[in-house]
Amino acid sequence: MNVLVLDDKSLIVKDTIRTVKAVEECAVCFGFTDANEALGFSDSTRIDIVILDIDMPQINGIEFAEKLTKKQPWVNIIFVTGFPKYSLDAFKVFASDFLLKPLKKSSLKKSFENLRNPVRSFNSGKVNPKKIGDNIRKNREKSGMSVRELADEMDVSFQTVYRWESGERLPETVNMVRIAKILNVTVDELLI
């Protein structure tokens, strides 16, 4: 599952991603502190769940959710904020949940179990790391790159690429984005 985390504070983004990984260890997380950058990213990547703050500069969380759902109507929205006064506004955009900061693992787990639009999970067996590895290998071969060349481009060892392609190990989010860019494909093409 692809999870986009948006908050104007980078420490909160990191903490939220850590909590998501504790609940769903194979989730592919994309963290942003800039709403416009996150919207641009959503043009090329399917987002299953967005976890976002409401009170942010540039675009507030409600406006962001409205814009994102126009592009990706299946997305599940989970607001995590320190301001309970926004709860009614949050549900006008059909949010799956509204949680108060600080985010707790138990609350997020319950939110994931009760999404408006259920999501395939890596842990559910419907999507498997072997399939992702096969997609990386096929796209690498299609681009004419060797394993060594991809490893050099990624600045990782040959063995790391081999583990990704064999499904033994999933690339970290930032590496998944880099692989897609190097192979000239979208992240979705590697995940599906």
N, C-alpha and C. Protein backbone atom coordinates (compact mmCIF):
# COMPACT_ATOMS: atom_id res chain seq x y z
N MET A 1 0.84 -1.18 0.00
CA MET A 1 0.00 0.00 0.00
C MET A 1 0.88 1.23 0.00
N ASN A 2 0.49 2.24 -0.74
CA ASN A 2 1.21 3.51 -0.82
C ASN A 2 0.59 4.50 0.15
N VAL A 3 1.41 5.02 1.05
CA VAL A 3 0.94 5.96 2.06
C VAL A 3 1.69 7.27 1.89
N LEU A 4 0.96 8.35 1.68
CA LEU A 4 1.55 9.67 1.59
C LEU A 4 1.34 10.36 2.93
N VAL A 5 2.41 10.88 3.52
CA VAL A 5 2.34 11.58 4.80
C VAL A 5 2.67 13.05 4.54
N LEU A 6 1.80 13.93 4.98
CA LEU A 6 2.00 15.37 4.76
C LEU A 6 1.78 16.14 6.06
N ASP A 7 2.80 16.85 6.46
CA ASP A 7 2.73 17.75 7.61
C ASP A 7 3.81 18.79 7.38
N ASP A 8 3.58 20.02 7.80
CA ASP A 8 4.58 21.06 7.55
C ASP A 8 5.80 20.94 8.47
N LYS A 9 5.77 20.01 9.40
CA LYS A 9 6.91 19.79 10.31
C LYS A 9 7.58 18.45 9.97
N SER A 10 8.85 18.52 9.57
CA SER A 10 9.55 17.31 9.11
C SER A 10 9.67 16.24 10.20
N LEU A 11 9.83 16.64 11.46
CA LEU A 11 9.91 15.64 12.53
C LEU A 11 8.61 14.85 12.67
N ILE A 12 7.49 15.52 12.48
CA ILE A 12 6.19 14.84 12.56
C ILE A 12 6.04 13.89 11.37
N VAL A 13 6.51 14.30 10.20
CA VAL A 13 6.47 13.41 9.03
C VAL A 13 7.26 12.14 9.33
N LYS A 14 8.48 12.30 9.86
CA LYS A 14 9.32 11.14 10.18
C LYS A 14 8.67 10.25 11.23
N ASP A 15 8.13 10.86 12.29
CA ASP A 15 7.46 10.08 13.35
C ASP A 15 6.24 9.34 12.80
N THR A 16 5.48 10.00 11.95
CA THR A 16 4.28 9.37 11.37
C THR A 16 4.68 8.19 10.50
N ILE A 17 5.70 8.36 9.68
CA ILE A 17 6.17 7.24 8.85
C ILE A 17 6.63 6.08 9.72
N ARG A 18 7.31 6.38 10.79
CA ARG A 18 7.76 5.33 11.72
C ARG A 18 6.55 4.59 12.31
N THR A 19 5.50 5.32 12.64
CA THR A 19 4.28 4.71 13.19
C THR A 19 3.58 3.86 12.13
N VAL A 20 3.51 4.37 10.90
CA VAL A 20 2.90 3.61 9.80
C VAL A 20 3.65 2.29 9.63
N LYS A 21 4.98 2.35 9.62
CA LYS A 21 5.80 1.14 9.44
C LYS A 21 5.62 0.16 10.60
N ALA A 22 5.35 0.68 11.79
CA ALA A 22 5.11 -0.20 12.95
C ALA A 22 3.77 -0.92 12.81
N VAL A 23 2.81 -0.27 12.16
CA VAL A 23 1.49 -0.87 11.95
C VAL A 23 1.48 -1.77 10.72
N GLU A 24 2.12 -1.31 9.64
CA GLU A 24 2.13 -2.03 8.36
C GLU A 24 3.55 -1.96 7.82
N GLU A 25 4.39 -2.92 8.22
CA GLU A 25 5.82 -2.83 7.94
C GLU A 25 6.18 -2.77 6.46
N CYS A 26 5.34 -3.27 5.61
CA CYS A 26 5.66 -3.26 4.17
C CYS A 26 5.01 -2.10 3.42
N ALA A 27 4.40 -1.17 4.15
CA ALA A 27 3.82 0.00 3.48
C ALA A 27 4.93 0.80 2.81
N VAL A 28 4.64 1.34 1.66
CA VAL A 28 5.58 2.21 0.96
C VAL A 28 5.15 3.64 1.30
N CYS A 29 6.00 4.34 2.04
CA CYS A 29 5.63 5.68 2.55
C CYS A 29 6.38 6.77 1.81
N PHE A 30 5.67 7.85 1.55
CA PHE A 30 6.23 9.01 0.89
C PHE A 30 5.94 10.21 1.79
N GLY A 31 6.97 10.85 2.31
CA GLY A 31 6.79 11.96 3.24
C GLY A 31 7.05 13.30 2.60
N PHE A 32 6.19 14.27 2.94
CA PHE A 32 6.31 15.62 2.39
C PHE A 32 6.02 16.66 3.46
N THR A 33 6.69 17.80 3.35
CA THR A 33 6.38 18.96 4.19
C THR A 33 5.77 20.07 3.36
N ASP A 34 5.77 19.90 2.05
CA ASP A 34 5.24 20.90 1.12
C ASP A 34 4.03 20.31 0.39
N ALA A 35 2.87 20.92 0.58
CA ALA A 35 1.63 20.40 0.00
C ALA A 35 1.66 20.42 -1.53
N ASN A 36 2.20 21.47 -2.12
CA ASN A 36 2.25 21.55 -3.59
C ASN A 36 3.15 20.46 -4.17
N GLU A 37 4.26 20.19 -3.50
CA GLU A 37 5.15 19.12 -3.94
C GLU A 37 4.44 17.76 -3.84
N ALA A 38 3.69 17.56 -2.76
CA ALA A 38 2.95 16.31 -2.58
C ALA A 38 1.88 16.14 -3.66
N LEU A 39 1.20 17.22 -4.01
CA LEU A 39 0.19 17.15 -5.07
C LEU A 39 0.84 16.81 -6.41
N GLY A 40 1.98 17.41 -6.69
CA GLY A 40 2.69 17.09 -7.92
C GLY A 40 3.12 15.63 -7.96
N PHE A 41 3.57 15.12 -6.84
CA PHE A 41 3.98 13.72 -6.75
C PHE A 41 2.80 12.79 -7.04
N SER A 42 1.61 13.19 -6.59
CA SER A 42 0.43 12.35 -6.78
C SER A 42 0.00 12.24 -8.24
N ASP A 43 0.57 13.08 -9.10
CA ASP A 43 0.27 12.98 -10.54
C ASP A 43 0.84 11.70 -11.14
N SER A 44 1.92 11.19 -10.55
CA SER A 44 2.58 10.02 -11.15
C SER A 44 2.55 8.78 -10.26
N THR A 45 1.95 8.88 -9.08
CA THR A 45 1.95 7.74 -8.16
C THR A 45 0.58 7.58 -7.53
N ARG A 46 0.09 6.35 -7.56
CA ARG A 46 -1.18 6.05 -6.89
C ARG A 46 -0.96 6.13 -5.38
N ILE A 47 -1.87 6.83 -4.71
CA ILE A 47 -1.82 6.96 -3.26
C ILE A 47 -3.04 6.22 -2.71
N ASP A 48 -2.81 5.27 -1.82
CA ASP A 48 -3.92 4.53 -1.21
C ASP A 48 -4.42 5.23 0.05
N ILE A 49 -3.49 5.77 0.82
CA ILE A 49 -3.84 6.45 2.07
C ILE A 49 -3.02 7.72 2.16
N VAL A 50 -3.66 8.82 2.54
CA VAL A 50 -2.93 10.04 2.84
C VAL A 50 -3.18 10.36 4.31
N ILE A 51 -2.10 10.59 5.03
CA ILE A 51 -2.17 10.97 6.45
C ILE A 51 -1.66 12.39 6.51
N LEU A 52 -2.53 13.32 6.91
CA LEU A 52 -2.11 14.71 6.84
C LEU A 52 -2.64 15.57 7.97
N ASP A 53 -1.91 16.64 8.18
CA ASP A 53 -2.28 17.67 9.13
C ASP A 53 -3.31 18.56 8.46
N ILE A 54 -4.01 19.34 9.24
CA ILE A 54 -4.98 20.28 8.65
C ILE A 54 -4.41 21.69 8.63
N ASP A 55 -3.84 22.13 9.73
CA ASP A 55 -3.35 23.50 9.85
C ASP A 55 -1.93 23.60 9.28
N MET A 56 -1.86 23.94 7.98
CA MET A 56 -0.57 24.06 7.29
C MET A 56 -0.56 25.32 6.43
N PRO A 57 0.65 25.85 6.17
CA PRO A 57 0.72 27.01 5.27
C PRO A 57 0.46 26.58 3.83
N GLN A 58 0.37 27.50 2.93
CA GLN A 58 0.12 27.27 1.50
C GLN A 58 -1.28 26.71 1.29
N ILE A 59 -1.43 25.40 1.46
CA ILE A 59 -2.72 24.73 1.28
C ILE A 59 -3.02 24.03 2.60
N ASN A 60 -4.19 24.28 3.18
CA ASN A 60 -4.50 23.55 4.41
C ASN A 60 -4.91 22.12 4.06
N GLY A 61 -4.97 21.27 5.06
CA GLY A 61 -5.24 19.86 4.84
C GLY A 61 -6.57 19.57 4.17
N ILE A 62 -7.59 20.35 4.48
CA ILE A 62 -8.91 20.15 3.87
C ILE A 62 -8.83 20.43 2.36
N GLU A 63 -8.21 21.56 1.99
CA GLU A 63 -8.05 21.90 0.57
C GLU A 63 -7.21 20.85 -0.14
N PHE A 64 -6.13 20.39 0.52
CA PHE A 64 -5.29 19.35 -0.08
C PHE A 64 -6.11 18.09 -0.35
N ALA A 65 -6.91 17.68 0.64
CA ALA A 65 -7.74 16.47 0.48
C ALA A 65 -8.72 16.63 -0.68
N GLU A 66 -9.33 17.80 -0.81
CA GLU A 66 -10.26 18.05 -1.91
C GLU A 66 -9.55 17.93 -3.26
N LYS A 67 -8.36 18.51 -3.37
CA LYS A 67 -7.61 18.45 -4.63
C LYS A 67 -7.16 17.02 -4.94
N LEU A 68 -6.69 16.32 -3.92
CA LEU A 68 -6.20 14.96 -4.14
C LEU A 68 -7.34 14.01 -4.52
N THR A 69 -8.50 14.15 -3.88
CA THR A 69 -9.61 13.25 -4.21
C THR A 69 -10.18 13.50 -5.61
N LYS A 70 -9.98 14.68 -6.14
CA LYS A 70 -10.38 14.92 -7.53
C LYS A 70 -9.49 14.13 -8.48
N LYS A 71 -8.22 13.99 -8.13
CA LYS A 71 -7.27 13.23 -8.96
C LYS A 71 -7.38 11.72 -8.70
N GLN A 72 -7.56 11.37 -7.43
CA GLN A 72 -7.54 9.97 -7.02
C GLN A 72 -8.72 9.71 -6.08
N PRO A 73 -9.90 9.49 -6.63
CA PRO A 73 -11.11 9.38 -5.81
C PRO A 73 -11.12 8.20 -4.83
N TRP A 74 -10.29 7.21 -5.04
CA TRP A 74 -10.24 6.03 -4.16
C TRP A 74 -9.40 6.27 -2.90
N VAL A 75 -8.67 7.39 -2.83
CA VAL A 75 -7.74 7.61 -1.73
C VAL A 75 -8.47 7.67 -0.39
N ASN A 76 -7.86 7.10 0.62
CA ASN A 76 -8.36 7.17 2.00
C ASN A 76 -7.65 8.32 2.69
N ILE A 77 -8.41 9.16 3.36
CA ILE A 77 -7.85 10.33 4.03
C ILE A 77 -7.92 10.12 5.53
N ILE A 78 -6.78 10.27 6.18
CA ILE A 78 -6.73 10.22 7.65
C ILE A 78 -6.09 11.52 8.10
N PHE A 79 -6.88 12.34 8.79
CA PHE A 79 -6.35 13.59 9.33
C PHE A 79 -5.76 13.32 10.70
N VAL A 80 -4.58 13.88 10.94
CA VAL A 80 -3.95 13.82 12.25
C VAL A 80 -3.58 15.25 12.60
N THR A 81 -4.25 15.79 13.59
CA THR A 81 -4.09 17.21 13.91
C THR A 81 -4.18 17.45 15.41
N GLY A 82 -3.72 18.59 15.81
CA GLY A 82 -3.83 18.99 17.21
C GLY A 82 -5.05 19.85 17.48
N PHE A 83 -5.91 20.03 16.47
CA PHE A 83 -7.05 20.93 16.58
C PHE A 83 -8.37 20.20 16.36
N PRO A 84 -9.06 19.79 17.42
CA PRO A 84 -10.32 19.07 17.27
C PRO A 84 -11.41 19.90 16.58
N LYS A 85 -11.26 21.22 16.58
CA LYS A 85 -12.30 22.08 15.98
C LYS A 85 -12.48 21.82 14.48
N TYR A 86 -11.50 21.16 13.84
CA TYR A 86 -11.59 20.90 12.40
C TYR A 86 -12.32 19.60 12.07
N SER A 87 -12.77 18.88 13.06
CA SER A 87 -13.32 17.54 12.80
C SER A 87 -14.52 17.55 11.85
N LEU A 88 -15.43 18.48 12.00
CA LEU A 88 -16.60 18.50 11.10
C LEU A 88 -16.18 18.82 9.67
N ASP A 89 -15.24 19.75 9.50
CA ASP A 89 -14.75 20.07 8.15
C ASP A 89 -14.08 18.86 7.52
N ALA A 90 -13.37 18.08 8.33
CA ALA A 90 -12.65 16.91 7.83
C ALA A 90 -13.61 15.89 7.22
N PHE A 91 -14.75 15.72 7.82
CA PHE A 91 -15.68 14.71 7.32
C PHE A 91 -16.47 15.18 6.10
N LYS A 92 -16.38 16.48 5.78
CA LYS A 92 -17.00 16.98 4.55
C LYS A 92 -16.26 16.46 3.32
N VAL A 93 -15.01 16.05 3.50
CA VAL A 93 -14.25 15.48 2.38
C VAL A 93 -14.20 13.95 2.50
N PHE A 94 -15.14 13.40 3.29
CA PHE A 94 -15.32 11.96 3.45
C PHE A 94 -14.04 11.26 3.94
N ALA A 95 -13.46 11.85 4.98
CA ALA A 95 -12.26 11.26 5.58
C ALA A 95 -12.57 9.90 6.19
N SER A 96 -11.58 9.02 6.14
CA SER A 96 -11.72 7.72 6.80
C SER A 96 -11.59 7.86 8.30
N ASP A 97 -10.79 8.83 8.75
CA ASP A 97 -10.64 9.01 10.19
C ASP A 97 -10.09 10.39 10.50
N PHE A 98 -10.25 10.79 11.75
CA PHE A 98 -9.76 12.06 12.27
C PHE A 98 -9.12 11.74 13.61
N LEU A 99 -7.80 11.84 13.69
CA LEU A 99 -7.06 11.49 14.90
C LEU A 99 -6.38 12.72 15.47
N LEU A 100 -6.27 12.74 16.77
CA LEU A 100 -5.58 13.85 17.42
C LEU A 100 -4.12 13.51 17.67
N LYS A 101 -3.28 14.54 17.55
CA LYS A 101 -1.85 14.38 17.86
C LYS A 101 -1.69 14.27 19.37
N PRO A 102 -0.73 13.54 19.84
CA PRO A 102 0.26 12.76 19.10
C PRO A 102 -0.36 11.46 18.57
N LEU A 103 0.09 11.05 17.39
CA LEU A 103 -0.42 9.85 16.75
C LEU A 103 0.02 8.61 17.53
N LYS A 104 -0.95 7.75 17.81
CA LYS A 104 -0.67 6.52 18.53
C LYS A 104 -0.80 5.34 17.59
N LYS A 105 0.07 4.36 17.78
CA LYS A 105 0.08 3.16 16.95
C LYS A 105 -1.29 2.47 16.98
N SER A 106 -1.89 2.35 18.16
CA SER A 106 -3.18 1.66 18.29
C SER A 106 -4.28 2.39 17.53
N SER A 107 -4.26 3.71 17.55
CA SER A 107 -5.27 4.49 16.82
C SER A 107 -5.11 4.33 15.31
N LEU A 108 -3.85 4.36 14.85
CA LEU A 108 -3.60 4.22 13.42
C LEU A 108 -3.96 2.82 12.95
N LYS A 109 -3.66 1.83 13.75
CA LYS A 109 -4.00 0.44 13.38
C LYS A 109 -5.51 0.30 13.20
N LYS A 110 -6.27 0.89 14.11
CA LYS A 110 -7.73 0.85 14.02
C LYS A 110 -8.21 1.60 12.77
N SER A 111 -7.57 2.72 12.46
CA SER A 111 -7.92 3.47 11.25
C SER A 111 -7.68 2.64 10.00
N PHE A 112 -6.53 1.95 9.94
CA PHE A 112 -6.21 1.12 8.79
C PHE A 112 -7.20 -0.04 8.64
N GLU A 113 -7.70 -0.53 9.74
CA GLU A 113 -8.66 -1.63 9.70
C GLU A 113 -10.05 -1.18 9.26
N ASN A 114 -10.31 0.12 9.31
CA ASN A 114 -11.65 0.64 9.01
C ASN A 114 -11.64 1.71 7.93
N LEU A 115 -10.82 1.53 6.92
CA LEU A 115 -10.74 2.50 5.83
C LEU A 115 -12.02 2.51 5.01
N ARG A 116 -12.37 3.66 4.49
CA ARG A 116 -13.53 3.77 3.59
C ARG A 116 -13.35 2.91 2.35
N ASN A 117 -12.17 2.93 1.80
CA ASN A 117 -11.82 2.15 0.62
C ASN A 117 -10.71 1.19 1.00
N PRO A 118 -11.05 -0.06 1.36
CA PRO A 118 -10.01 -0.99 1.82
C PRO A 118 -8.88 -1.12 0.80
N VAL A 119 -7.67 -1.32 1.34
CA VAL A 119 -6.46 -1.34 0.53
C VAL A 119 -5.81 -2.70 0.64
N ARG A 120 -5.27 -3.16 -0.50
CA ARG A 120 -4.47 -4.38 -0.45
C ARG A 120 -3.22 -4.09 0.37
N SER A 121 -2.87 -5.02 1.18
CA SER A 121 -1.71 -4.87 2.03
C SER A 121 -0.61 -5.82 1.58
N PHE A 122 0.64 -5.41 1.70
CA PHE A 122 1.74 -6.33 1.41
C PHE A 122 1.63 -7.55 2.31
N ASN A 123 1.26 -7.33 3.56
CA ASN A 123 1.19 -8.44 4.52
C ASN A 123 0.01 -9.35 4.27
N SER A 124 -0.96 -8.91 3.50
CA SER A 124 -2.14 -9.74 3.25
C SER A 124 -1.87 -10.84 2.25
N GLY A 125 -0.75 -10.76 1.55
CA GLY A 125 -0.43 -11.77 0.55
C GLY A 125 -0.96 -11.42 -0.83
N LYS A 126 -1.78 -10.39 -0.96
CA LYS A 126 -2.32 -10.02 -2.27
C LYS A 126 -1.26 -9.33 -3.13
N VAL A 127 -0.34 -8.63 -2.49
CA VAL A 127 0.79 -8.03 -3.19
C VAL A 127 2.01 -8.64 -2.53
N ASN A 128 2.96 -9.06 -3.33
CA ASN A 128 4.08 -9.71 -2.69
C ASN A 128 5.41 -9.16 -3.16
N PRO A 129 6.39 -9.14 -2.26
CA PRO A 129 7.70 -8.56 -2.59
C PRO A 129 8.34 -9.21 -3.81
N LYS A 130 8.07 -10.49 -4.04
CA LYS A 130 8.61 -11.19 -5.21
C LYS A 130 8.10 -10.53 -6.50
N LYS A 131 6.82 -10.15 -6.52
CA LYS A 131 6.22 -9.49 -7.69
C LYS A 131 6.90 -8.13 -7.92
N ILE A 132 7.14 -7.39 -6.84
CA ILE A 132 7.80 -6.09 -6.97
C ILE A 132 9.21 -6.31 -7.52
N GLY A 133 9.91 -7.32 -7.00
CA GLY A 133 11.25 -7.64 -7.50
C GLY A 133 11.23 -7.99 -8.97
N ASP A 134 10.24 -8.78 -9.38
CA ASP A 134 10.10 -9.13 -10.80
C ASP A 134 9.89 -7.88 -11.65
N ASN A 135 9.09 -6.94 -11.14
CA ASN A 135 8.83 -5.70 -11.87
C ASN A 135 10.11 -4.87 -12.01
N ILE A 136 10.90 -4.83 -10.94
CA ILE A 136 12.17 -4.09 -11.02
C ILE A 136 13.07 -4.74 -12.06
N ARG A 137 13.20 -6.07 -12.01
CA ARG A 137 14.06 -6.79 -12.95
C ARG A 137 13.60 -6.58 -14.39
N LYS A 138 12.29 -6.76 -14.64
CA LYS A 138 11.76 -6.61 -16.01
C LYS A 138 12.01 -5.21 -16.56
N ASN A 139 11.76 -4.20 -15.72
CA ASN A 139 11.97 -2.83 -16.19
C ASN A 139 13.45 -2.50 -16.35
N ARG A 140 14.29 -3.08 -15.50
CA ARG A 140 15.74 -2.89 -15.65
C ARG A 140 16.20 -3.50 -16.97
N GLU A 141 15.76 -4.73 -17.25
CA GLU A 141 16.14 -5.39 -18.50
C GLU A 141 15.59 -4.65 -19.71
N LYS A 142 14.36 -4.17 -19.59
CA LYS A 142 13.73 -3.42 -20.69
C LYS A 142 14.53 -2.14 -21.01
N SER A 143 15.10 -1.54 -19.97
CA SER A 143 15.88 -0.32 -20.18
C SER A 143 17.29 -0.61 -20.68
N GLY A 144 17.66 -1.90 -20.71
CA GLY A 144 18.99 -2.27 -21.20
C GLY A 144 20.09 -2.16 -20.16
N MET A 145 19.72 -2.00 -18.89
CA MET A 145 20.72 -1.89 -17.83
C MET A 145 21.06 -3.25 -17.26
N SER A 146 22.30 -3.41 -16.86
CA SER A 146 22.70 -4.62 -16.14
C SER A 146 22.46 -4.39 -14.64
N VAL A 147 22.51 -5.45 -13.88
CA VAL A 147 22.37 -5.33 -12.43
C VAL A 147 23.47 -4.42 -11.89
N ARG A 148 24.67 -4.60 -12.39
CA ARG A 148 25.82 -3.78 -11.94
C ARG A 148 25.58 -2.30 -12.25
N GLU A 149 25.06 -2.00 -13.44
CA GLU A 149 24.81 -0.60 -13.80
C GLU A 149 23.74 0.02 -12.90
N LEU A 150 22.67 -0.73 -12.59
CA LEU A 150 21.65 -0.20 -11.69
C LEU A 150 22.24 0.01 -10.30
N ALA A 151 23.04 -0.93 -9.84
CA ALA A 151 23.69 -0.80 -8.53
C ALA A 151 24.55 0.45 -8.48
N ASP A 152 25.33 0.69 -9.55
CA ASP A 152 26.19 1.87 -9.60
C ASP A 152 25.36 3.16 -9.60
N GLU A 153 24.28 3.18 -10.39
CA GLU A 153 23.40 4.36 -10.44
C GLU A 153 22.76 4.64 -9.07
N MET A 154 22.41 3.56 -8.38
CA MET A 154 21.75 3.68 -7.07
C MET A 154 22.76 3.88 -5.94
N ASP A 155 24.03 3.68 -6.23
CA ASP A 155 25.08 3.76 -5.23
C ASP A 155 24.85 2.75 -4.10
N VAL A 156 24.51 1.52 -4.53
CA VAL A 156 24.32 0.39 -3.61
C VAL A 156 25.14 -0.78 -4.15
N SER A 157 25.23 -1.83 -3.37
CA SER A 157 25.98 -3.00 -3.81
C SER A 157 25.18 -3.83 -4.82
N PHE A 158 25.91 -4.62 -5.59
CA PHE A 158 25.32 -5.56 -6.52
C PHE A 158 24.35 -6.49 -5.78
N GLN A 159 24.74 -6.92 -4.57
CA GLN A 159 23.91 -7.84 -3.78
C GLN A 159 22.59 -7.20 -3.37
N THR A 160 22.60 -5.91 -3.10
CA THR A 160 21.37 -5.22 -2.72
C THR A 160 20.36 -5.27 -3.86
N VAL A 161 20.82 -4.98 -5.07
CA VAL A 161 19.93 -5.04 -6.24
C VAL A 161 19.43 -6.47 -6.42
N TYR A 162 20.32 -7.43 -6.26
CA TYR A 162 19.92 -8.84 -6.38
C TYR A 162 18.82 -9.16 -5.35
N ARG A 163 18.96 -8.70 -4.12
CA ARG A 163 17.95 -8.96 -3.08
C ARG A 163 16.62 -8.31 -3.43
N TRP A 164 16.68 -7.08 -3.99
CA TRP A 164 15.44 -6.43 -4.41
C TRP A 164 14.76 -7.24 -5.50
N GLU A 165 15.52 -7.63 -6.50
CA GLU A 165 14.95 -8.33 -7.65
C GLU A 165 14.47 -9.74 -7.31
N SER A 166 15.06 -10.35 -6.30
CA SER A 166 14.64 -11.70 -5.91
C SER A 166 13.43 -11.65 -4.97
N GLY A 167 13.08 -10.45 -4.49
CA GLY A 167 11.96 -10.32 -3.55
C GLY A 167 12.37 -10.61 -2.12
N GLU A 168 13.66 -10.81 -1.91
CA GLU A 168 14.16 -11.08 -0.56
C GLU A 168 14.07 -9.84 0.32
N ARG A 169 14.11 -8.68 -0.34
CA ARG A 169 14.11 -7.43 0.40
C ARG A 169 13.40 -6.36 -0.43
N LEU A 170 12.59 -5.53 0.23
CA LEU A 170 11.93 -4.42 -0.47
C LEU A 170 12.79 -3.16 -0.36
N PRO A 171 12.92 -2.41 -1.45
CA PRO A 171 13.66 -1.15 -1.36
C PRO A 171 12.94 -0.17 -0.43
N GLU A 172 13.71 0.63 0.28
CA GLU A 172 13.13 1.71 1.07
C GLU A 172 12.40 2.66 0.12
N THR A 173 11.50 3.45 0.65
CA THR A 173 10.69 4.36 -0.16
C THR A 173 11.54 5.24 -1.06
N VAL A 174 12.55 5.88 -0.49
CA VAL A 174 13.37 6.79 -1.29
C VAL A 174 14.07 6.02 -2.42
N ASN A 175 14.49 4.78 -2.16
CA ASN A 175 15.12 3.98 -3.20
C ASN A 175 14.12 3.56 -4.27
N MET A 176 12.89 3.26 -3.86
CA MET A 176 11.85 2.89 -4.83
C MET A 176 11.62 4.05 -5.81
N VAL A 177 11.57 5.25 -5.30
CA VAL A 177 11.39 6.43 -6.15
C VAL A 177 12.59 6.60 -7.08
N ARG A 178 13.80 6.42 -6.56
CA ARG A 178 15.01 6.55 -7.38
C ARG A 178 15.07 5.48 -8.47
N ILE A 179 14.71 4.24 -8.11
CA ILE A 179 14.70 3.16 -9.10
C ILE A 179 13.75 3.51 -10.24
N ALA A 180 12.54 3.95 -9.88
CA ALA A 180 11.55 4.31 -10.89
C ALA A 180 12.09 5.41 -11.81
N LYS A 181 12.73 6.40 -11.22
CA LYS A 181 13.26 7.51 -12.01
C LYS A 181 14.37 7.03 -12.95
N ILE A 182 15.28 6.21 -12.44
CA ILE A 182 16.38 5.69 -13.26
C ILE A 182 15.86 4.83 -14.40
N LEU A 183 14.84 4.01 -14.11
CA LEU A 183 14.29 3.10 -15.13
C LEU A 183 13.23 3.77 -16.00
N ASN A 184 12.94 5.06 -15.69
CA ASN A 184 11.97 5.84 -16.47
C ASN A 184 10.57 5.22 -16.45
N VAL A 185 10.14 4.82 -15.25
CA VAL A 185 8.79 4.28 -15.03
C VAL A 185 8.21 4.97 -13.80
N THR A 186 6.92 4.77 -13.56
CA THR A 186 6.32 5.30 -12.34
C THR A 186 6.51 4.28 -11.22
N VAL A 187 6.40 4.74 -10.00
CA VAL A 187 6.49 3.84 -8.85
C VAL A 187 5.39 2.78 -8.94
N ASP A 188 4.21 3.20 -9.40
CA ASP A 188 3.10 2.24 -9.55
C ASP A 188 3.47 1.07 -10.45
N GLU A 189 4.21 1.33 -11.52
CA GLU A 189 4.61 0.25 -12.43
C GLU A 189 5.52 -0.76 -11.74
N LEU A 190 6.22 -0.33 -10.72
CA LEU A 190 7.07 -1.26 -9.96
C LEU A 190 6.27 -2.01 -8.90
N LEU A 191 5.21 -1.38 -8.40
CA LEU A 191 4.46 -1.98 -7.29
C LEU A 191 3.35 -2.92 -7.73
N ILE A 192 2.78 -2.69 -8.90
CA ILE A 192 1.60 -3.47 -9.30
C ILE A 192 2.00 -4.65 -10.18
